[in-house]
Amino acid sequence: MTTQKVSVTLESGAISRARHLAGPRGLSGYLDTALQEKLERDERRRAFVEYLDELEQSDPTPDGLKVRATRRAARLRGRVSH
C-alpha cells in the first residue's frame, strides 16, 4: 500500500479526541481507517441509489407516485454527495 502525505485543516477538538482514541496506532492510522470506512459507506449508498434509479425506470407505478419517489431519491443523492 502506498501512502501520500497531505495537509488538512480540522477542528482542534476533534483532533484532540481522535489522538486520545487512536492510541498506539497513531492519528494517521486512525484517520486513514475513518476515511476508508466513510468511503465504503458513501460507495454503498451511491450503489443503492443507482439500483433504485434502475428500478424506477422499469416501474409501472403511476406518474404521481413516481414524482414523489424522484424527490425522495434526490434528497438521498444530496446526502451522498456531501
N, C-alpha and C. Protein backbone atom coordinates (compact mmCIF):
# COMPACT_ATOMS: atom_id res chain seq x y z
N MET A 1 0.85 -1.18 0.00
CA MET A 1 0.00 0.00 0.00
C MET A 1 0.89 1.24 0.00
N THR A 2 0.63 2.12 -0.92
CA THR A 2 1.37 3.37 -0.94
C THR A 2 0.61 4.41 -0.13
N THR A 3 1.34 5.33 0.40
CA THR A 3 0.73 6.41 1.17
C THR A 3 1.11 7.74 0.55
N GLN A 4 0.35 8.75 0.92
CA GLN A 4 0.62 10.10 0.44
C GLN A 4 0.42 11.06 1.59
N LYS A 5 1.36 11.92 1.78
CA LYS A 5 1.25 12.91 2.84
C LYS A 5 0.39 14.07 2.34
N VAL A 6 -0.58 14.47 3.16
CA VAL A 6 -1.46 15.58 2.81
C VAL A 6 -1.56 16.53 4.00
N SER A 7 -2.01 17.71 3.73
CA SER A 7 -2.25 18.68 4.78
C SER A 7 -3.73 19.01 4.78
N VAL A 8 -4.38 18.86 5.92
CA VAL A 8 -5.80 19.18 6.04
C VAL A 8 -6.00 20.07 7.26
N THR A 9 -7.08 20.79 7.25
CA THR A 9 -7.44 21.61 8.39
C THR A 9 -8.68 21.01 9.03
N LEU A 10 -8.55 20.65 10.30
CA LEU A 10 -9.65 20.01 11.02
C LEU A 10 -9.88 20.73 12.33
N GLU A 11 -11.06 20.57 12.88
CA GLU A 11 -11.44 21.21 14.14
C GLU A 11 -10.55 20.66 15.26
N SER A 12 -9.98 21.54 16.05
CA SER A 12 -8.98 21.14 17.04
C SER A 12 -9.54 20.19 18.10
N GLY A 13 -10.78 20.38 18.50
CA GLY A 13 -11.38 19.48 19.50
C GLY A 13 -11.49 18.06 18.97
N ALA A 14 -11.86 17.94 17.71
CA ALA A 14 -11.97 16.61 17.10
C ALA A 14 -10.59 15.95 17.01
N ILE A 15 -9.58 16.72 16.70
CA ILE A 15 -8.21 16.17 16.62
C ILE A 15 -7.76 15.68 17.99
N SER A 16 -8.04 16.45 19.02
CA SER A 16 -7.67 16.02 20.38
C SER A 16 -8.37 14.71 20.74
N ARG A 17 -9.64 14.63 20.46
CA ARG A 17 -10.39 13.40 20.75
C ARG A 17 -9.85 12.22 19.95
N ALA A 18 -9.54 12.46 18.68
CA ALA A 18 -9.01 11.40 17.82
C ALA A 18 -7.65 10.93 18.32
N ARG A 19 -6.79 11.85 18.71
CA ARG A 19 -5.47 11.46 19.24
C ARG A 19 -5.63 10.59 20.48
N HIS A 20 -6.58 10.96 21.34
CA HIS A 20 -6.81 10.19 22.56
C HIS A 20 -7.29 8.78 22.23
N LEU A 21 -8.21 8.67 21.29
CA LEU A 21 -8.77 7.36 20.93
C LEU A 21 -7.83 6.53 20.07
N ALA A 22 -6.98 7.17 19.31
CA ALA A 22 -6.11 6.46 18.38
C ALA A 22 -5.13 5.55 19.09
N GLY A 23 -4.66 5.97 20.23
CA GLY A 23 -3.72 5.15 20.98
C GLY A 23 -2.47 4.83 20.18
N PRO A 24 -1.98 3.59 20.29
CA PRO A 24 -0.71 3.23 19.68
C PRO A 24 -0.68 3.27 18.16
N ARG A 25 -1.83 3.13 17.52
CA ARG A 25 -1.81 3.16 16.05
C ARG A 25 -1.60 4.56 15.50
N GLY A 26 -1.73 5.57 16.34
CA GLY A 26 -1.45 6.94 15.93
C GLY A 26 -2.58 7.60 15.17
N LEU A 27 -2.48 8.90 15.08
CA LEU A 27 -3.50 9.71 14.44
C LEU A 27 -3.65 9.37 12.96
N SER A 28 -2.55 9.20 12.26
CA SER A 28 -2.64 8.90 10.82
C SER A 28 -3.40 7.61 10.58
N GLY A 29 -3.08 6.57 11.33
CA GLY A 29 -3.78 5.29 11.18
C GLY A 29 -5.26 5.41 11.51
N TYR A 30 -5.55 6.16 12.56
CA TYR A 30 -6.93 6.36 12.98
C TYR A 30 -7.73 7.08 11.89
N LEU A 31 -7.16 8.17 11.37
CA LEU A 31 -7.86 8.94 10.34
C LEU A 31 -7.96 8.16 9.02
N ASP A 32 -6.93 7.38 8.70
CA ASP A 32 -6.99 6.56 7.49
C ASP A 32 -8.12 5.54 7.58
N THR A 33 -8.25 4.89 8.73
CA THR A 33 -9.34 3.93 8.93
C THR A 33 -10.69 4.62 8.83
N ALA A 34 -10.82 5.77 9.46
CA ALA A 34 -12.08 6.51 9.41
C ALA A 34 -12.44 6.91 7.98
N LEU A 35 -11.44 7.36 7.22
CA LEU A 35 -11.68 7.75 5.83
C LEU A 35 -12.12 6.55 5.00
N GLN A 36 -11.44 5.42 5.17
CA GLN A 36 -11.80 4.22 4.42
C GLN A 36 -13.24 3.80 4.73
N GLU A 37 -13.63 3.83 6.00
CA GLU A 37 -14.99 3.46 6.39
C GLU A 37 -16.01 4.41 5.79
N LYS A 38 -15.72 5.69 5.80
CA LYS A 38 -16.63 6.69 5.22
C LYS A 38 -16.77 6.49 3.72
N LEU A 39 -15.66 6.23 3.04
CA LEU A 39 -15.70 5.99 1.60
C LEU A 39 -16.55 4.76 1.27
N GLU A 40 -16.39 3.69 2.03
CA GLU A 40 -17.18 2.49 1.81
C GLU A 40 -18.66 2.75 2.00
N ARG A 41 -19.03 3.49 3.04
CA ARG A 41 -20.45 3.82 3.27
C ARG A 41 -21.01 4.64 2.11
N ASP A 42 -20.25 5.65 1.68
CA ASP A 42 -20.72 6.50 0.59
C ASP A 42 -20.86 5.71 -0.71
N GLU A 43 -19.91 4.81 -0.97
CA GLU A 43 -19.98 3.99 -2.18
C GLU A 43 -21.19 3.06 -2.14
N ARG A 44 -21.49 2.48 -0.97
CA ARG A 44 -22.67 1.61 -0.84
C ARG A 44 -23.95 2.42 -1.04
N ARG A 45 -23.99 3.61 -0.46
CA ARG A 45 -25.18 4.46 -0.65
C ARG A 45 -25.37 4.81 -2.13
N ARG A 46 -24.28 5.17 -2.79
CA ARG A 46 -24.36 5.54 -4.20
C ARG A 46 -24.84 4.35 -5.03
N ALA A 47 -24.34 3.15 -4.75
CA ALA A 47 -24.77 1.95 -5.47
C ALA A 47 -26.25 1.68 -5.23
N PHE A 48 -26.71 1.92 -4.00
CA PHE A 48 -28.12 1.71 -3.69
C PHE A 48 -29.00 2.70 -4.45
N VAL A 49 -28.58 3.94 -4.51
CA VAL A 49 -29.34 4.95 -5.24
C VAL A 49 -29.39 4.59 -6.73
N GLU A 50 -28.28 4.12 -7.28
CA GLU A 50 -28.27 3.70 -8.68
C GLU A 50 -29.23 2.53 -8.90
N TYR A 51 -29.25 1.60 -7.96
CA TYR A 51 -30.18 0.47 -8.04
C TYR A 51 -31.63 0.97 -8.03
N LEU A 52 -31.92 1.91 -7.14
CA LEU A 52 -33.27 2.48 -7.09
C LEU A 52 -33.62 3.18 -8.40
N ASP A 53 -32.67 3.87 -9.00
CA ASP A 53 -32.91 4.52 -10.29
C ASP A 53 -33.27 3.50 -11.36
N GLU A 54 -32.55 2.37 -11.38
CA GLU A 54 -32.85 1.32 -12.35
C GLU A 54 -34.26 0.76 -12.14
N LEU A 55 -34.61 0.54 -10.89
CA LEU A 55 -35.96 0.05 -10.59
C LEU A 55 -37.02 1.05 -11.04
N GLU A 56 -36.74 2.31 -10.80
CA GLU A 56 -37.70 3.36 -11.15
C GLU A 56 -37.95 3.42 -12.66
N GLN A 57 -36.90 3.18 -13.43
CA GLN A 57 -37.03 3.24 -14.89
C GLN A 57 -38.02 2.20 -15.42
N SER A 58 -38.07 1.03 -14.78
CA SER A 58 -38.94 -0.04 -15.27
C SER A 58 -40.22 -0.18 -14.45
N ASP A 59 -40.47 0.75 -13.56
CA ASP A 59 -41.61 0.67 -12.65
C ASP A 59 -42.89 1.13 -13.33
N PRO A 60 -43.96 0.31 -13.27
CA PRO A 60 -45.24 0.70 -13.88
C PRO A 60 -46.09 1.60 -12.98
N THR A 61 -45.53 2.10 -11.92
CA THR A 61 -46.26 2.94 -10.96
C THR A 61 -46.76 4.21 -11.65
N PRO A 62 -47.95 4.69 -11.27
CA PRO A 62 -48.47 5.93 -11.85
C PRO A 62 -47.51 7.11 -11.67
N ASP A 63 -47.57 8.05 -12.60
CA ASP A 63 -46.64 9.17 -12.63
C ASP A 63 -46.61 9.99 -11.33
N GLY A 64 -47.75 10.21 -10.71
CA GLY A 64 -47.78 10.99 -9.47
C GLY A 64 -46.93 10.37 -8.37
N LEU A 65 -47.02 9.08 -8.24
CA LEU A 65 -46.20 8.41 -7.24
C LEU A 65 -44.73 8.42 -7.62
N LYS A 66 -44.45 8.35 -8.92
CA LYS A 66 -43.06 8.40 -9.37
C LYS A 66 -42.43 9.76 -9.05
N VAL A 67 -43.21 10.82 -9.17
CA VAL A 67 -42.69 12.16 -8.87
C VAL A 67 -42.27 12.23 -7.42
N ARG A 68 -43.07 11.69 -6.51
CA ARG A 68 -42.71 11.70 -5.10
C ARG A 68 -41.46 10.86 -4.85
N ALA A 69 -41.37 9.72 -5.51
CA ALA A 69 -40.18 8.87 -5.34
C ALA A 69 -38.94 9.56 -5.88
N THR A 70 -39.08 10.29 -6.98
CA THR A 70 -37.95 11.01 -7.55
C THR A 70 -37.46 12.08 -6.59
N ARG A 71 -38.37 12.77 -5.94
CA ARG A 71 -37.99 13.79 -4.95
C ARG A 71 -37.23 13.15 -3.79
N ARG A 72 -37.72 12.01 -3.34
CA ARG A 72 -37.06 11.32 -2.23
C ARG A 72 -35.65 10.88 -2.65
N ALA A 73 -35.51 10.37 -3.86
CA ALA A 73 -34.19 9.94 -4.36
C ALA A 73 -33.24 11.13 -4.46
N ALA A 74 -33.76 12.29 -4.85
CA ALA A 74 -32.92 13.49 -4.95
C ALA A 74 -32.39 13.87 -3.57
N ARG A 75 -33.22 13.74 -2.55
CA ARG A 75 -32.76 14.04 -1.19
C ARG A 75 -31.66 13.06 -0.78
N LEU A 76 -31.82 11.80 -1.12
CA LEU A 76 -30.79 10.80 -0.80
C LEU A 76 -29.49 11.11 -1.54
N ARG A 77 -29.60 11.48 -2.81
CA ARG A 77 -28.39 11.83 -3.58
C ARG A 77 -27.67 13.00 -2.93
N GLY A 78 -28.42 13.95 -2.43
CA GLY A 78 -27.82 15.11 -1.76
C GLY A 78 -27.02 14.70 -0.54
N ARG A 79 -27.49 13.71 0.18
CA ARG A 79 -26.76 13.22 1.36
C ARG A 79 -25.50 12.50 0.95
N VAL A 80 -25.53 11.78 -0.14
CA VAL A 80 -24.38 11.00 -0.61
C VAL A 80 -23.28 11.93 -1.09
N SER A 81 -23.64 13.01 -1.77
CA SER A 81 -22.62 13.88 -2.35
C SER A 81 -21.95 14.77 -1.31
N HIS A 82 -22.47 14.83 -0.09
CA HIS A 82 -21.86 15.70 0.94
C HIS A 82 -20.80 14.98 1.70
